[in-house]
Protein backbone atom coordinates (compact mmCIF):
# COMPACT_ATOMS: atom_id res chain seq x y z
CA UNK A 1 -83.18 -88.39 227.09
CA UNK A 2 -84.69 -87.77 230.52
CA UNK A 3 -87.73 -89.71 231.67
CA UNK A 4 -90.01 -86.67 231.69
CA UNK A 5 -88.77 -85.60 228.27
CA UNK A 6 -89.63 -89.07 226.97
CA UNK A 7 -93.12 -88.97 228.42
CA UNK A 8 -93.74 -85.54 226.92
CA UNK A 9 -92.97 -87.00 223.50
CA UNK A 10 -95.23 -90.02 224.03
CA UNK A 11 -98.08 -88.27 225.93
CA UNK A 12 -97.70 -90.63 228.88
CA UNK A 13 -97.28 -89.05 232.30
CA UNK A 14 -95.36 -90.80 235.07
CA UNK A 15 -97.22 -90.15 238.32
CA UNK A 16 -96.49 -91.20 241.89
CA UNK A 17 -98.43 -93.92 243.68
CA UNK A 18 -101.60 -92.65 245.38
CA UNK A 19 -99.75 -92.72 248.72
CA UNK A 20 -97.61 -89.76 247.52
CA UNK A 21 -100.15 -88.13 245.19
CA UNK A 22 -101.66 -85.80 247.78
CA UNK A 23 -101.35 -82.20 248.90
CA UNK A 24 -98.00 -81.22 250.41
CA UNK A 25 -98.33 -80.35 254.09
CA UNK A 26 -96.11 -77.31 254.13
CA UNK A 27 -95.36 -74.40 251.84
CA UNK A 28 -95.31 -75.47 248.20
CA UNK A 29 -93.59 -72.98 245.91
CA UNK A 30 -94.15 -73.51 242.17
CA UNK A 31 -92.10 -71.51 239.70
CA UNK A 32 -92.49 -71.52 235.93
CA UNK A 33 -89.30 -71.10 233.91
CA UNK A 34 -88.89 -69.99 230.30
CA UNK A 35 -85.92 -72.31 229.73
CA UNK A 36 -86.50 -75.24 232.07
CA UNK A 37 -83.44 -77.20 230.90
CA UNK A 38 -81.16 -74.45 232.24
CA UNK A 39 -82.94 -74.65 235.60
CA UNK A 40 -83.28 -78.44 235.89
CA UNK A 41 -80.46 -79.87 233.78
CA UNK A 42 -81.71 -82.68 231.54
CA UNK A 43 -85.04 -82.87 233.39
CA UNK A 44 -88.22 -81.21 232.14
CA UNK A 45 -89.23 -80.42 235.74
CA UNK A 46 -87.47 -80.64 239.10
CA UNK A 47 -87.90 -80.02 242.81
CA UNK A 48 -85.87 -79.01 245.85
CA UNK A 49 -86.81 -80.01 249.35
CA UNK A 50 -88.53 -80.53 251.52
CA UNK A 51 -86.50 -78.29 253.80
CA UNK A 52 -87.19 -76.31 256.93
CA UNK A 53 -86.29 -72.74 257.79
CA UNK A 54 -87.59 -70.22 260.32
CA UNK A 55 -90.81 -69.82 258.28
CA UNK A 56 -91.72 -73.52 258.21
CA UNK A 57 -91.41 -76.50 255.87
CA UNK A 58 -90.97 -75.81 252.14
CA UNK A 59 -90.76 -77.67 248.88
CA UNK A 60 -89.93 -75.88 245.63
CA UNK A 61 -91.07 -77.13 242.23
CA UNK A 62 -89.70 -75.82 238.94
CA UNK A 63 -91.77 -76.44 235.81
CA UNK A 64 -91.70 -75.14 232.23
CA UNK A 65 -93.94 -72.24 231.28
CA UNK A 66 -97.07 -73.13 229.39
CA UNK A 67 -96.48 -72.76 225.68
CA UNK A 68 -92.77 -73.51 226.01
CA UNK A 69 -91.39 -75.94 223.44
CA UNK A 70 -89.31 -78.66 225.07
CA UNK A 71 -86.19 -79.82 223.27
CA UNK A 72 -83.65 -82.49 224.04
CA UNK A 73 -80.53 -81.43 225.91
CA UNK A 74 -78.62 -80.91 222.66
CA UNK A 75 -81.58 -78.95 221.24
CA UNK A 76 -81.73 -81.12 218.13
CA UNK A 77 -85.06 -82.86 218.75
CA UNK A 78 -88.45 -81.32 219.43
CA UNK A 79 -90.63 -83.01 222.03
CA UNK A 80 -93.67 -80.77 222.14
CA UNK A 81 -95.32 -77.75 223.71
CA UNK A 82 -96.30 -77.59 227.35
CA UNK A 83 -100.00 -76.98 227.92
CA UNK A 84 -102.30 -77.07 230.97
CA UNK A 85 -102.54 -80.89 230.98
CA UNK A 86 -98.74 -81.22 231.13
CA UNK A 87 -98.44 -78.49 233.76
CA UNK A 88 -100.83 -80.45 235.98
CA UNK A 89 -98.89 -83.70 235.46
CA UNK A 90 -95.51 -82.06 236.17
CA UNK A 91 -96.84 -80.60 239.42
CA UNK A 92 -98.34 -83.94 240.52
CA UNK A 93 -95.08 -85.73 239.69
CA UNK A 94 -92.80 -83.29 241.51
CA UNK A 95 -95.22 -82.89 244.44
CA UNK A 96 -95.00 -86.66 244.85
CA UNK A 97 -91.24 -86.23 245.39
CA UNK A 98 -91.95 -83.46 247.91
CA UNK A 99 -94.11 -86.02 249.76
CA UNK A 100 -91.31 -88.57 249.89
CA UNK A 101 -91.60 -90.51 246.61
CA UNK A 102 -88.03 -91.67 245.79
CA UNK A 103 -86.28 -90.37 242.69
CA UNK A 104 -86.06 -93.83 241.12
CA UNK A 105 -89.90 -93.77 240.81
CA UNK A 106 -90.98 -97.05 242.44
CA UNK A 107 -94.60 -98.11 241.88
CA UNK A 108 -95.11 -95.35 239.32
CA UNK A 109 -98.47 -94.91 237.61
CA UNK A 110 -98.52 -94.27 233.88
CA UNK A 111 -101.34 -92.02 232.69
CA UNK A 112 -101.93 -91.61 228.98
CA UNK A 113 -103.32 -88.37 227.70
CA UNK A 114 -106.83 -88.79 226.34
């Protein structure tokens, strides 16, 4: 089970340290996907970048659509529906990676849903 899938089931979000939890200085492209596991493999959200082209610096974030039910990779376990709170947490998490937070999540902050 992926880390973000686990946190969806437990209502605990894994967020970057404050150093990386800030606006991205470049073009941030956020795309919602109906079947996020096809887009991101075993992750519930993913990002690509940052990269530079003739238009500037970009970072792309892929997140599940609100209302989507997230299942495990083998589709045998239900983890929950994505709502606005989760959308916000996914964006903060992936934006942290756009800002340089390493993929092994050092100094992560755990935020429990109230």
